[in-house]
Amino acid sequence: MMIRVLAVILLCGVAGAQDWAKATLEKSPRHGEYVTITEASGRKLQAWVVYPEVKEKAPVVLMIHEIFGLSDWAREMADEVAGAGYIVVEPDLLSGFGPPSQITTIPTAGMAGMGCDPMNCAAGQTPGPQSTMRLPMCDGKPCTARNGAGHSQMGAGTGAAIVPAAPGGTAAFPDRDAVVKAVSSLGAGIVAADLNAAADFGKKLPAASGKLFVAGFCWGGGETFLFATHRKDLSAAFVFYGPPPPADSMKNITAPVYGFYAGNDARITSTVPQTVTDMNAAGKVFEPVTYDGAGHGFMRAGEAPDANAANSAARSAGYRRLVSLLGGVH
């Protein structure tokens, strides 16, 4: 498993702090919101939904995030596509898988001026309004980014009962490495169910036109290609530097697939010639473009303040191609 996680990190590139993406998102005039999608199984799926500022009903783009989860850049990318005139639904595929927070109450009875612990007051004692401290506990110690949350089912702090909080999604994980490991461990069945639920949700929105696209990046690019093998109502699939699905499943694809690849990304881009052969043999439309000099993850890296010229150029060209293939700016 560790080898696989390291390989995926190399594939997607390093995604550090994304304050620049968050700052761009905060300036957006568009309406973006978190929604909860309840699947038939009862699973609660969180998703980021952004609406375009248009008069007519808009097509829906199901967007699949990188191995780094629903990051600030993932949400900012969704907002940018919405700015071209599309409703974007981007599920947090780690919904419900975040480490459970352990909450402990530390009594302060006997501390001068604090009163007794409200959970442990004896008859006649007066509880103090600030007599408890609530801390997330990991293996009996307050959680940090280093030790992570939820490694034990019970904290070892003294005081009243420990109350586990419901697991969250991407934001609940202590650091990037924990997110990468969690995303790379997601089961195919769960991912497929989540993506179908998010797509169905998007198509049923009152502002939606009924037209559905899917686009994904890195790990999400591979999931996009795989999603196209079983979702029959897609108008197109946009695979950004993701691996192909098994060749024998390509016969089930009904929509054109458009690929976006980096010249300096041999691990993924070297799969393109065989994918072309396999898609042609299956009688399917597959149109890849490779951007010379760009590295894996160029849609994110090309937008960063320290972007090199090749990544920046690939990012601009890739975005223009995506919007053009979607049908243009509305």
C-alpha atoms as a PDB file:
ATOM      1  CA  MET A   1       0.000   0.000   0.000  1.00  0.00           C
ATOM      2  CA  MET A   2       2.781   2.459   0.879  1.00  0.00           C
ATOM      3  CA  ILE A   3       4.432   1.944  -2.514  1.00  0.00           C
ATOM      4  CA  ARG A   4       1.121   2.654  -4.214  1.00  0.00           C
ATOM      5  CA  VAL A   5       0.601   5.832  -2.187  1.00  0.00           C
ATOM      6  CA  LEU A   6       4.086   7.103  -3.012  1.00  0.00           C
ATOM      7  CA  ALA A   7       3.516   6.358  -6.687  1.00  0.00           C
ATOM      8  CA  VAL A   8       0.289   8.336  -6.682  1.00  0.00           C
ATOM      9  CA  ILE A   9       1.990  11.288  -4.994  1.00  0.00           C
ATOM     10  CA  LEU A  10       4.609  11.274  -7.735  1.00  0.00           C
ATOM     11  CA  LEU A  11       1.898  11.044 -10.357  1.00  0.00           C
ATOM     12  CA  CYS A  12      -0.069  14.006  -9.085  1.00  0.00           C
ATOM     13  CA  GLY A  13       2.860  16.156  -8.110  1.00  0.00           C
ATOM     14  CA  VAL A  14       3.261  17.948  -4.817  1.00  0.00           C
ATOM     15  CA  ALA A  15       0.295  20.039  -3.713  1.00  0.00           C
ATOM     16  CA  GLY A  16       1.319  22.221  -0.829  1.00  0.00           C
ATOM     17  CA  ALA A  17      -0.463  25.238   0.583  1.00  0.00           C
ATOM     18  CA  GLN A  18      -2.990  26.642  -1.860  1.00  0.00           C
ATOM     19  CA  ASP A  19      -3.639  30.064  -0.359  1.00  0.00           C
ATOM     20  CA  TRP A  20      -3.533  31.535  -3.851  1.00  0.00           C
ATOM     21  CA  ALA A  21      -6.408  29.285  -4.931  1.00  0.00           C
ATOM     22  CA  LYS A  22      -8.402  30.159  -1.836  1.00  0.00           C
ATOM     23  CA  ALA A  23      -7.824  33.872  -2.423  1.00  0.00           C
ATOM     24  CA  THR A  24      -9.032  33.571  -6.024  1.00  0.00           C
ATOM     25  CA  LEU A  25     -12.097  31.665  -4.899  1.00  0.00           C
ATOM     26  CA  GLU A  26     -12.979  34.281  -2.308  1.00  0.00           C
ATOM     27  CA  LYS A  27     -13.101  36.932  -5.036  1.00  0.00           C
ATOM     28  CA  SER A  28     -15.553  34.968  -7.182  1.00  0.00           C
ATOM     29  CA  PRO A  29     -18.927  36.595  -7.835  1.00  0.00           C
ATOM     30  CA  ARG A  30     -20.542  33.196  -8.390  1.00  0.00           C
ATOM     31  CA  HIS A  31     -22.700  31.283  -5.949  1.00  0.00           C
ATOM     32  CA  GLY A  32     -20.925  28.248  -4.556  1.00  0.00           C
ATOM     33  CA  GLU A  33     -22.249  26.086  -1.757  1.00  0.00           C
ATOM     34  CA  TYR A  34     -21.747  22.809   0.034  1.00  0.00           C
ATOM     35  CA  VAL A  35     -24.627  20.374  -0.251  1.00  0.00           C
ATOM     36  CA  THR A  36     -25.368  16.983   1.263  1.00  0.00           C
ATOM     37  CA  ILE A  37     -26.517  14.297  -1.155  1.00  0.00           C
ATOM     38  CA  THR A  38     -28.285  11.357   0.442  1.00  0.00           C
ATOM     39  CA  GLU A  39     -27.706   8.194  -1.554  1.00  0.00           C
ATOM     40  CA  ALA A  40     -30.197   5.334  -1.766  1.00  0.00           C
ATOM     41  CA  SER A  41     -28.021   3.405   0.687  1.00  0.00           C
ATOM     42  CA  GLY A  42     -28.374   6.225   3.200  1.00  0.00           C
ATOM     43  CA  ARG A  43     -24.776   7.385   2.770  1.00  0.00           C
ATOM     44  CA  LYS A  44     -24.321  11.149   3.159  1.00  0.00           C
ATOM     45  CA  LEU A  45     -22.122  12.593   0.423  1.00  0.00           C
ATOM     46  CA  GLN A  46     -20.846  16.145   0.678  1.00  0.00           C
ATOM     47  CA  ALA A  47     -20.362  18.078  -2.556  1.00  0.00           C
ATOM     48  CA  TRP A  48     -19.268  21.532  -3.663  1.00  0.00           C
ATOM     49  CA  VAL A  49     -21.711  23.017  -6.185  1.00  0.00           C
ATOM     50  CA  VAL A  50     -21.087  26.198  -8.163  1.00  0.00           C
ATOM     51  CA  TYR A  51     -23.644  27.945 -10.352  1.00  0.00           C
ATOM     52  CA  PRO A  52     -22.921  30.125 -13.383  1.00  0.00           C
ATOM     53  CA  GLU A  53     -24.409  33.581 -13.785  1.00  0.00           C
ATOM     54  CA  VAL A  54     -26.589  32.838 -16.816  1.00  0.00           C
ATOM     55  CA  LYS A  55     -30.253  33.304 -17.717  1.00  0.00           C
ATOM     56  CA  GLU A  56     -30.861  29.899 -19.291  1.00  0.00           C
ATOM     57  CA  LYS A  57     -30.597  26.432 -17.818  1.00  0.00           C
ATOM     58  CA  ALA A  58     -27.019  25.165 -17.894  1.00  0.00           C
ATOM     59  CA  PRO A  59     -25.262  21.848 -18.572  1.00  0.00           C
ATOM     60  CA  VAL A  60     -23.767  20.058 -15.586  1.00  0.00           C
ATOM     61  CA  VAL A  61     -20.094  19.167 -15.229  1.00  0.00           C
ATOM     62  CA  LEU A  62     -19.376  16.431 -12.706  1.00  0.00           C
ATOM     63  CA  MET A  63     -15.857  17.235 -11.529  1.00  0.00           C
ATOM     64  CA  ILE A  64     -13.617  14.617  -9.874  1.00  0.00           C
ATOM     65  CA  HIS A  65     -10.865  15.906  -7.624  1.00  0.00           C
ATOM     66  CA  GLU A  66      -7.198  14.886  -7.501  1.00  0.00           C
ATOM     67  CA  ILE A  67      -5.681  12.451  -5.032  1.00  0.00           C
ATOM     68  CA  PHE A  68      -5.459  15.483  -2.737  1.00  0.00           C
ATOM     69  CA  GLY A  69      -9.192  15.507  -2.133  1.00  0.00           C
ATOM     70  CA  LEU A  70     -11.564  18.454  -2.231  1.00  0.00           C
ATOM     71  CA  SER A  71      -8.788  21.035  -1.851  1.00  0.00           C
ATOM     72  CA  ASP A  72      -8.981  24.798  -2.277  1.00  0.00           C
ATOM     73  CA  TRP A  73      -7.649  24.376  -5.813  1.00  0.00           C
ATOM     74  CA  ALA A  74     -10.288  21.746  -6.606  1.00  0.00           C
ATOM     75  CA  ARG A  75     -13.024  24.130  -5.547  1.00  0.00           C
ATOM     76  CA  GLU A  76     -11.414  27.031  -7.379  1.00  0.00           C
ATOM     77  CA  MET A  77     -11.190  24.960 -10.572  1.00  0.00           C
ATOM     78  CA  ALA A  78     -14.893  24.171 -10.260  1.00  0.00           C
ATOM     79  CA  ASP A  79     -15.648  27.853  -9.840  1.00  0.00           C
ATOM     80  CA  GLU A  80     -13.653  28.740 -12.952  1.00  0.00           C
ATOM     81  CA  VAL A  81     -15.555  26.245 -15.093  1.00  0.00           C
ATOM     82  CA  ALA A  82     -18.815  27.594 -13.673  1.00  0.00           C
ATOM     83  CA  GLY A  83     -17.654  31.014 -14.805  1.00  0.00           C
ATOM     84  CA  ALA A  84     -17.786  29.751 -18.385  1.00  0.00           C
ATOM     85  CA  GLY A  85     -21.490  28.968 -17.994  1.00  0.00           C
ATOM     86  CA  TYR A  86     -21.750  25.503 -16.458  1.00  0.00           C
ATOM     87  CA  ILE A  87     -23.109  24.097 -13.210  1.00  0.00           C
ATOM     88  CA  VAL A  88     -20.287  22.201 -11.540  1.00  0.00           C
ATOM     89  CA  VAL A  89     -20.921  19.453  -8.997  1.00  0.00           C
ATOM     90  CA  GLU A  90     -17.750  18.268  -7.276  1.00  0.00           C
ATOM     91  CA  PRO A  91     -18.264  15.577  -4.628  1.00  0.00           C
ATOM     92  CA  ASP A  92     -15.886  15.153  -1.722  1.00  0.00           C
ATOM     93  CA  LEU A  93     -15.172  11.457  -2.167  1.00  0.00           C
ATOM     94  CA  LEU A  94     -13.773  11.276   1.364  1.00  0.00           C
ATOM     95  CA  SER A  95     -17.168  12.191   2.828  1.00  0.00           C
ATOM     96  CA  GLY A  96     -17.697  10.185   5.993  1.00  0.00           C
ATOM     97  CA  PHE A  97     -14.189   8.744   5.961  1.00  0.00           C
ATOM     98  CA  GLY A  98     -12.456  11.427   7.973  1.00  0.00           C
ATOM     99  CA  PRO A  99     -10.870  10.346  11.242  1.00  0.00           C
ATOM    100  CA  PRO A 100     -13.409  10.515  14.072  1.00  0.00           C
ATOM    101  CA  SER A 101     -12.702  13.314  16.504  1.00  0.00           C
ATOM    102  CA  GLN A 102     -12.452  12.306  20.123  1.00  0.00           C
ATOM    103  CA  ILE A 103     -13.835  14.931  22.475  1.00  0.00           C
ATOM    104  CA  THR A 104     -12.893  14.837  26.114  1.00  0.00           C
ATOM    105  CA  THR A 105     -13.959  17.048  28.982  1.00  0.00           C
ATOM    106  CA  ILE A 106     -11.204  17.917  31.411  1.00  0.00           C
ATOM    107  CA  PRO A 107     -12.648  18.735  34.843  1.00  0.00           C
ATOM    108  CA  THR A 108     -11.393  21.824  36.600  1.00  0.00           C
ATOM    109  CA  ALA A 109     -13.066  21.249  39.950  1.00  0.00           C
ATOM    110  CA  GLY A 110     -11.066  22.795  42.721  1.00  0.00           C
ATOM    111  CA  MET A 111      -9.442  25.431  40.495  1.00  0.00           C
ATOM    112  CA  ALA A 112      -9.820  28.816  42.132  1.00  0.00           C
ATOM    113  CA  GLY A 113     -12.725  30.857  40.808  1.00  0.00           C
ATOM    114  CA  MET A 114     -13.700  28.251  38.219  1.00  0.00           C
ATOM    115  CA  GLY A 115     -16.440  26.315  40.012  1.00  0.00           C
ATOM    116  CA  CYS A 116     -17.004  22.617  39.496  1.00  0.00           C
ATOM    117  CA  ASP A 117     -17.086  20.672  36.296  1.00  0.00           C
ATOM    118  CA  PRO A 118     -20.696  20.896  35.028  1.00  0.00           C
ATOM    119  CA  MET A 119     -20.574  17.179  34.218  1.00  0.00           C
ATOM    120  CA  ASN A 120     -19.358  16.208  37.681  1.00  0.00           C
ATOM    121  CA  CYS A 121     -20.794  18.700  40.179  1.00  0.00           C
ATOM    122  CA  ALA A 122     -21.722  17.398  43.581  1.00  0.00           C
ATOM    123  CA  ALA A 123     -24.899  18.445  45.346  1.00  0.00           C
ATOM    124  CA  GLY A 124     -24.703  22.086  46.353  1.00  0.00           C
ATOM    125  CA  GLN A 125     -21.755  22.923  44.089  1.00  0.00           C
ATOM    126  CA  THR A 126     -21.968  25.659  41.490  1.00  0.00           C
ATOM    127  CA  PRO A 127     -20.815  24.847  37.975  1.00  0.00           C
ATOM    128  CA  GLY A 128     -18.394  27.290  36.422  1.00  0.00           C
ATOM    129  CA  PRO A 129     -19.156  28.541  32.893  1.00  0.00           C
ATOM    130  CA  GLN A 130     -15.527  28.049  31.881  1.00  0.00           C
ATOM    131  CA  SER A 131     -14.809  24.978  33.914  1.00  0.00           C
ATOM    132  CA  THR A 132     -14.327  22.562  31.049  1.00  0.00           C
ATOM    133  CA  MET A 133     -11.931  22.293  28.141  1.00  0.00           C
ATOM    134  CA  ARG A 134     -12.870  20.298  25.065  1.00  0.00           C
ATOM    135  CA  LEU A 135      -9.956  18.868  23.166  1.00  0.00           C
ATOM    136  CA  PRO A 136      -9.734  16.376  20.307  1.00  0.00           C
ATOM    137  CA  MET A 137      -7.846  13.353  21.604  1.00  0.00           C
ATOM    138  CA  CYS A 138      -5.604  10.891  19.742  1.00  0.00           C
ATOM    139  CA  ASP A 139      -4.319   7.899  21.662  1.00  0.00           C
ATOM    140  CA  GLY A 140      -4.901   9.750  24.895  1.00  0.00           C
ATOM    141  CA  LYS A 141      -3.186  12.978  23.777  1.00  0.00           C
ATOM    142  CA  PRO A 142      -4.509  16.114  22.097  1.00  0.00           C
ATOM    143  CA  CYS A 143      -4.560  15.609  18.323  1.00  0.00           C
ATOM    144  CA  THR A 144      -2.057  17.388  16.139  1.00  0.00           C
ATOM    145  CA  ALA A 145      -1.162  17.244  12.468  1.00  0.00           C
ATOM    146  CA  ARG A 146       1.654  14.938  13.525  1.00  0.00           C
ATOM    147  CA  ASN A 147      -0.285  12.281  15.409  1.00  0.00           C
ATOM    148  CA  GLY A 148      -3.526  12.626  13.446  1.00  0.00           C
ATOM    149  CA  ALA A 149      -7.071  12.331  14.711  1.00  0.00           C
ATOM    150  CA  GLY A 150      -8.919   9.215  15.628  1.00  0.00           C
ATOM    151  CA  HIS A 151      -6.115   6.693  16.045  1.00  0.00           C
ATOM    152  CA  SER A 152      -7.881   5.302  19.080  1.00  0.00           C
ATOM    153  CA  GLN A 153     -11.552   4.921  19.727  1.00  0.00           C
ATOM    154  CA  MET A 154     -11.162   6.466  23.165  1.00  0.00           C
ATOM    155  CA  GLY A 155      -8.939   9.237  24.429  1.00  0.00           C
ATOM    156  CA  ALA A 156      -7.243   8.811  27.789  1.00  0.00           C
ATOM    157  CA  GLY A 157      -8.023  12.266  29.147  1.00  0.00           C
ATOM    158  CA  THR A 158      -9.629  12.477  32.558  1.00  0.00           C
ATOM    159  CA  GLY A 159     -13.106  13.824  33.097  1.00  0.00           C
ATOM    160  CA  ALA A 160     -16.511  13.268  31.626  1.00  0.00           C
ATOM    161  CA  ALA A 161     -17.486  10.950  28.817  1.00  0.00           C
ATOM    162  CA  ILE A 162     -15.676  11.104  25.492  1.00  0.00           C
ATOM    163  CA  VAL A 163     -18.041  11.929  22.640  1.00  0.00           C
ATOM    164  CA  PRO A 164     -16.850  10.894  19.165  1.00  0.00           C
ATOM    165  CA  ALA A 165     -17.842  13.370  16.465  1.00  0.00           C
ATOM    166  CA  ALA A 166     -19.119  12.087  13.130  1.00  0.00           C
ATOM    167  CA  PRO A 167     -16.277  11.654  10.622  1.00  0.00           C
ATOM    168  CA  GLY A 168     -15.996  14.422   8.074  1.00  0.00           C
ATOM    169  CA  GLY A 169     -14.414  14.551   4.639  1.00  0.00           C
ATOM    170  CA  THR A 170     -11.178  15.955   3.210  1.00  0.00           C
ATOM    171  CA  ALA A 171     -10.966  18.803   5.715  1.00  0.00           C
ATOM    172  CA  ALA A 172     -11.105  16.388   8.664  1.00  0.00           C
ATOM    173  CA  PHE A 173      -7.757  14.783   7.855  1.00  0.00           C
ATOM    174  CA  PRO A 174      -4.705  16.098   9.691  1.00  0.00           C
ATOM    175  CA  ASP A 175      -2.435  16.581   6.676  1.00  0.00           C
ATOM    176  CA  ARG A 176      -1.966  16.009   2.959  1.00  0.00           C
ATOM    177  CA  ASP A 177      -0.333  12.615   3.337  1.00  0.00           C
ATOM    178  CA  ALA A 178      -3.333  11.322   5.274  1.00  0.00           C
ATOM    179  CA  VAL A 179      -5.644  12.556   2.502  1.00  0.00           C
ATOM    180  CA  VAL A 180      -3.544  10.866  -0.191  1.00  0.00           C
ATOM    181  CA  LYS A 181      -3.578   7.568   1.670  1.00  0.00           C
ATOM    182  CA  ALA A 182      -7.327   7.749   2.230  1.00  0.00           C
ATOM    183  CA  VAL A 183      -8.209   8.607  -1.368  1.00  0.00           C
ATOM    184  CA  SER A 184      -5.929   5.898  -2.745  1.00  0.00           C
ATOM    185  CA  SER A 185      -7.697   3.391  -0.492  1.00  0.00           C
ATOM    186  CA  LEU A 186     -11.231   4.170  -1.644  1.00  0.00           C
ATOM    187  CA  GLY A 187     -13.123   1.176  -2.970  1.00  0.00           C
ATOM    188  CA  ALA A 188     -14.205   1.218  -6.612  1.00  0.00           C
ATOM    189  CA  GLY A 189     -17.803   0.441  -5.709  1.00  0.00           C
ATOM    190  CA  ILE A 190     -18.054   3.344  -3.282  1.00  0.00           C
ATOM    191  CA  VAL A 191     -16.496   5.770  -5.750  1.00  0.00           C
ATOM    192  CA  ALA A 192     -18.863   4.658  -8.524  1.00  0.00           C
ATOM    193  CA  ALA A 193     -21.903   5.000  -6.272  1.00  0.00           C
ATOM    194  CA  ASP A 194     -20.817   8.456  -5.113  1.00  0.00           C
ATOM    195  CA  LEU A 195     -20.186   9.694  -8.640  1.00  0.00           C
ATOM    196  CA  ASN A 196     -23.517   8.380  -9.875  1.00  0.00           C
ATOM    197  CA  ALA A 197     -25.319  10.013  -6.959  1.00  0.00           C
ATOM    198  CA  ALA A 198     -23.583  13.337  -7.611  1.00  0.00           C
ATOM    199  CA  ALA A 199     -24.369  13.151 -11.338  1.00  0.00           C
ATOM    200  CA  ASP A 200     -28.023  12.343 -10.669  1.00  0.00           C
ATOM    201  CA  PHE A 201     -28.230  15.195  -8.178  1.00  0.00           C
ATOM    202  CA  GLY A 202     -26.779  17.640 -10.689  1.00  0.00           C
ATOM    203  CA  LYS A 203     -29.100  16.630 -13.507  1.00  0.00           C
ATOM    204  CA  LYS A 204     -32.157  17.098 -11.267  1.00  0.00           C
ATOM    205  CA  LEU A 205     -31.271  20.643 -10.242  1.00  0.00           C
ATOM    206  CA  PRO A 206     -33.937  23.127 -11.396  1.00  0.00           C
ATOM    207  CA  ALA A 207     -31.242  25.211 -13.118  1.00  0.00           C
ATOM    208  CA  ALA A 208     -29.809  22.226 -15.015  1.00  0.00           C
ATOM    209  CA  SER A 209     -30.463  21.622 -18.708  1.00  0.00           C
ATOM    210  CA  GLY A 210     -30.161  17.834 -18.446  1.00  0.00           C
ATOM    211  CA  LYS A 211     -26.846  17.653 -20.292  1.00  0.00           C
ATOM    212  CA  LEU A 212     -24.045  15.934 -18.361  1.00  0.00           C
ATOM    213  CA  PHE A 213     -20.250  16.025 -18.701  1.00  0.00           C
ATOM    214  CA  VAL A 214     -17.513  14.627 -16.480  1.00  0.00           C
ATOM    215  CA  ALA A 215     -14.000  15.989 -15.949  1.00  0.00           C
ATOM    216  CA  GLY A 216     -11.284  14.826 -13.572  1.00  0.00           C
ATOM    217  CA  PHE A 217      -7.644  15.428 -12.717  1.00  0.00           C
ATOM    218  CA  CYS A 218      -4.823  13.008 -11.874  1.00  0.00           C
ATOM    219  CA  TRP A 219      -6.482  10.256  -9.770  1.00  0.00           C
ATOM    220  CA  GLY A 220      -9.754  11.903 -10.743  1.00  0.00           C
ATOM    221  CA  GLY A 221      -8.728  11.692 -14.404  1.00  0.00           C
ATOM    222  CA  GLY A 222      -8.489   7.925 -14.137  1.00  0.00           C
ATOM    223  CA  GLU A 223     -11.837   7.817 -12.361  1.00  0.00           C
ATOM    224  CA  THR A 224     -13.309   9.967 -15.124  1.00  0.00           C
ATOM    225  CA  PHE A 225     -12.240   7.509 -17.814  1.00  0.00           C
ATOM    226  CA  LEU A 226     -13.591   4.627 -15.734  1.00  0.00           C
ATOM    227  CA  PHE A 227     -16.871   6.474 -15.071  1.00  0.00           C
ATOM    228  CA  ALA A 228     -17.360   6.793 -18.828  1.00  0.00           C
ATOM    229  CA  THR A 229     -17.369   2.989 -19.144  1.00  0.00           C
ATOM    230  CA  HIS A 230     -20.655   2.636 -17.270  1.00  0.00           C
ATOM    231  CA  ARG A 231     -22.454   5.994 -17.371  1.00  0.00           C
ATOM    232  CA  LYS A 232     -24.590   6.051 -20.508  1.00  0.00           C
ATOM    233  CA  ASP A 233     -25.920   9.628 -20.434  1.00  0.00           C
ATOM    234  CA  LEU A 234     -22.602  11.454 -20.718  1.00  0.00           C
ATOM    235  CA  SER A 235     -22.134  14.001 -23.474  1.00  0.00           C
ATOM    236  CA  ALA A 236     -18.335  13.831 -23.109  1.00  0.00           C
ATOM    237  CA  ALA A 237     -15.580  12.868 -20.674  1.00  0.00           C
ATOM    238  CA  PHE A 238     -12.446  14.985 -20.100  1.00  0.00           C
ATOM    239  CA  VAL A 239      -9.468  13.056 -18.744  1.00  0.00           C
ATOM    240  CA  PHE A 240      -6.652  15.199 -17.369  1.00  0.00           C
ATOM    241  CA  TYR A 241      -3.470  13.105 -17.013  1.00  0.00           C
ATOM    242  CA  GLY A 242      -5.270  10.021 -15.751  1.00  0.00           C
ATOM    243  CA  PRO A 243      -4.689   6.346 -16.596  1.00  0.00           C
ATOM    244  CA  PRO A 244      -7.069   4.437 -18.862  1.00  0.00           C
ATOM    245  CA  PRO A 245      -9.546   1.788 -17.721  1.00  0.00           C
ATOM    246  CA  PRO A 246      -9.130  -1.883 -18.688  1.00  0.00           C
ATOM    247  CA  ALA A 247      -9.309  -2.274 -22.468  1.00  0.00           C
ATOM    248  CA  ASP A 248     -12.146  -4.781 -22.285  1.00  0.00           C
ATOM    249  CA  SER A 249     -14.362  -2.194 -20.574  1.00  0.00           C
ATOM    250  CA  MET A 250     -13.927   0.423 -23.303  1.00  0.00           C
ATOM    251  CA  LYS A 251     -16.621  -1.227 -25.411  1.00  0.00           C
ATOM    252  CA  ASN A 252     -19.155   0.150 -22.924  1.00  0.00           C
ATOM    253  CA  ILE A 253     -18.212   3.785 -23.480  1.00  0.00           C
ATOM    254  CA  THR A 254     -20.902   5.808 -25.254  1.00  0.00           C
ATOM    255  CA  ALA A 255     -19.430   9.333 -25.083  1.00  0.00           C
ATOM    256  CA  PRO A 256     -16.349  10.840 -26.711  1.00  0.00           C
ATOM    257  CA  VAL A 257     -13.320  10.942 -24.422  1.00  0.00           C
ATOM    258  CA  TYR A 258     -10.868  13.820 -24.629  1.00  0.00           C
ATOM    259  CA  GLY A 259      -7.436  13.460 -23.054  1.00  0.00           C
ATOM    260  CA  PHE A 260      -5.091  16.137 -21.708  1.00  0.00           C
ATOM    261  CA  TYR A 261      -1.531  14.926 -21.082  1.00  0.00           C
ATOM    262  CA  ALA A 262       1.863  16.304 -20.088  1.00  0.00           C
ATOM    263  CA  GLY A 263       4.993  15.886 -22.192  1.00  0.00           C
ATOM    264  CA  ASN A 264       7.147  15.389 -19.093  1.00  0.00           C
ATOM    265  CA  ASP A 265       4.970  12.680 -17.576  1.00  0.00           C
ATOM    266  CA  ALA A 266       6.174   9.393 -19.043  1.00  0.00           C
ATOM    267  CA  ARG A 267       4.377   7.219 -16.502  1.00  0.00           C
ATOM    268  CA  ILE A 268       0.943   8.361 -17.696  1.00  0.00           C
ATOM    269  CA  THR A 269       1.592   9.768 -21.153  1.00  0.00           C
ATOM    270  CA  SER A 270       3.308   6.541 -22.240  1.00  0.00           C
ATOM    271  CA  THR A 271      -0.088   4.824 -21.897  1.00  0.00           C
ATOM    272  CA  VAL A 272      -1.648   7.052 -24.561  1.00  0.00           C
ATOM    273  CA  PRO A 273      -0.570   5.140 -27.726  1.00  0.00           C
ATOM    274  CA  GLN A 274      -2.007   1.863 -26.448  1.00  0.00           C
ATOM    275  CA  THR A 275      -5.151   3.657 -25.284  1.00  0.00           C
ATOM    276  CA  VAL A 276      -5.586   5.062 -28.788  1.00  0.00           C
ATOM    277  CA  THR A 277      -5.243   1.534 -30.190  1.00  0.00           C
ATOM    278  CA  ASP A 278      -7.679   0.045 -27.701  1.00  0.00           C
ATOM    279  CA  MET A 279     -10.271   2.793 -28.118  1.00  0.00           C
ATOM    280  CA  ASN A 280     -10.051   2.534 -31.912  1.00  0.00           C
ATOM    281  CA  ALA A 281     -10.497  -1.245 -31.693  1.00  0.00           C
ATOM    282  CA  ALA A 282     -13.601  -0.679 -29.579  1.00  0.00           C
ATOM    283  CA  GLY A 283     -14.927   1.835 -32.102  1.00  0.00           C
ATOM    284  CA  LYS A 284     -14.848   4.695 -29.608  1.00  0.00           C
ATOM    285  CA  VAL A 285     -13.840   8.362 -29.883  1.00  0.00           C
ATOM    286  CA  PHE A 286     -10.642   9.210 -28.052  1.00  0.00           C
ATOM    287  CA  GLU A 287      -8.804  12.446 -28.814  1.00  0.00           C
ATOM    288  CA  PRO A 288      -5.668  13.032 -26.719  1.00  0.00           C
ATOM    289  CA  VAL A 289      -3.491  16.139 -26.715  1.00  0.00           C
ATOM    290  CA  THR A 290      -0.035  16.231 -25.136  1.00  0.00           C
ATOM    291  CA  TYR A 291       1.449  19.537 -23.976  1.00  0.00           C
ATOM    292  CA  ASP A 292       5.205  19.605 -24.533  1.00  0.00           C
ATOM    293  CA  GLY A 293       7.350  20.497 -21.549  1.00  0.00           C
ATOM    294  CA  ALA A 294       4.500  20.361 -19.053  1.00  0.00           C
ATOM    295  CA  GLY A 295       4.600  18.175 -15.983  1.00  0.00           C
ATOM    296  CA  HIS A 296       1.917  16.053 -14.384  1.00  0.00           C
ATOM    297  CA  GLY A 297      -0.676  18.144 -12.598  1.00  0.00           C
ATOM    298  CA  PHE A 298      -0.186  21.138 -14.888  1.00  0.00           C
ATOM    299  CA  MET A 299      -3.761  22.384 -14.482  1.00  0.00           C
ATOM    300  CA  ARG A 300      -2.976  23.095 -10.841  1.00  0.00           C
ATOM    301  CA  ALA A 301       0.771  23.703 -11.058  1.00  0.00           C
ATOM    302  CA  GLY A 302       0.345  25.998 -14.057  1.00  0.00           C
ATOM    303  CA  GLU A 303      -1.875  28.278 -12.043  1.00  0.00           C
ATOM    304  CA  ALA A 304       0.387  28.571  -9.002  1.00  0.00           C
ATOM    305  CA  PRO A 305       2.379  31.777  -8.422  1.00  0.00           C
ATOM    306  CA  ASP A 306       5.649  29.884  -9.016  1.00  0.00           C
ATOM    307  CA  ALA A 307       4.473  28.142 -12.206  1.00  0.00           C
ATOM    308  CA  ASN A 308       7.083  27.513 -14.873  1.00  0.00           C
ATOM    309  CA  ALA A 309       6.441  28.648 -18.441  1.00  0.00           C
ATOM    310  CA  ALA A 310       5.568  25.189 -19.808  1.00  0.00           C
ATOM    311  CA  ASN A 311       3.044  24.404 -17.090  1.00  0.00           C
ATOM    312  CA  SER A 312       1.511  27.847 -17.368  1.00  0.00           C
ATOM    313  CA  ALA A 313       1.139  27.520 -21.140  1.00  0.00           C
ATOM    314  CA  ALA A 314      -0.318  24.007 -20.851  1.00  0.00           C
ATOM    315  CA  ARG A 315      -2.755  25.160 -18.215  1.00  0.00           C
ATOM    316  CA  SER A 316      -4.022  28.010 -20.391  1.00  0.00           C
ATOM    317  CA  ALA A 317      -4.260  25.843 -23.496  1.00  0.00           C
ATOM    318  CA  GLY A 318      -5.891  22.988 -21.593  1.00  0.00           C
ATOM    319  CA  TYR A 319      -8.538  25.229 -20.114  1.00  0.00           C
ATOM    320  CA  ARG A 320      -9.341  26.821 -23.479  1.00  0.00           C
ATOM    321  CA  ARG A 321      -9.686  23.371 -25.035  1.00  0.00           C
ATOM    322  CA  LEU A 322     -11.918  22.158 -22.216  1.00  0.00           C
ATOM    323  CA  VAL A 323     -14.304  25.093 -22.510  1.00  0.00           C
ATOM    324  CA  SER A 324     -14.362  24.826 -26.300  1.00  0.00           C
ATOM    325  CA  LEU A 325     -15.228  21.128 -26.140  1.00  0.00           C
ATOM    326  CA  LEU A 326     -17.923  21.827 -23.552  1.00  0.00           C
ATOM    327  CA  GLY A 327     -19.558  24.111 -26.057  1.00  0.00           C
ATOM    328  CA  GLY A 328     -17.890  27.419 -25.393  1.00  0.00           C
ATOM    329  CA  VAL A 329     -18.438  30.246 -22.941  1.00  0.00           C
ATOM    330  CA  HIS A 330     -22.090  30.990 -22.215  1.00  0.00           C
END
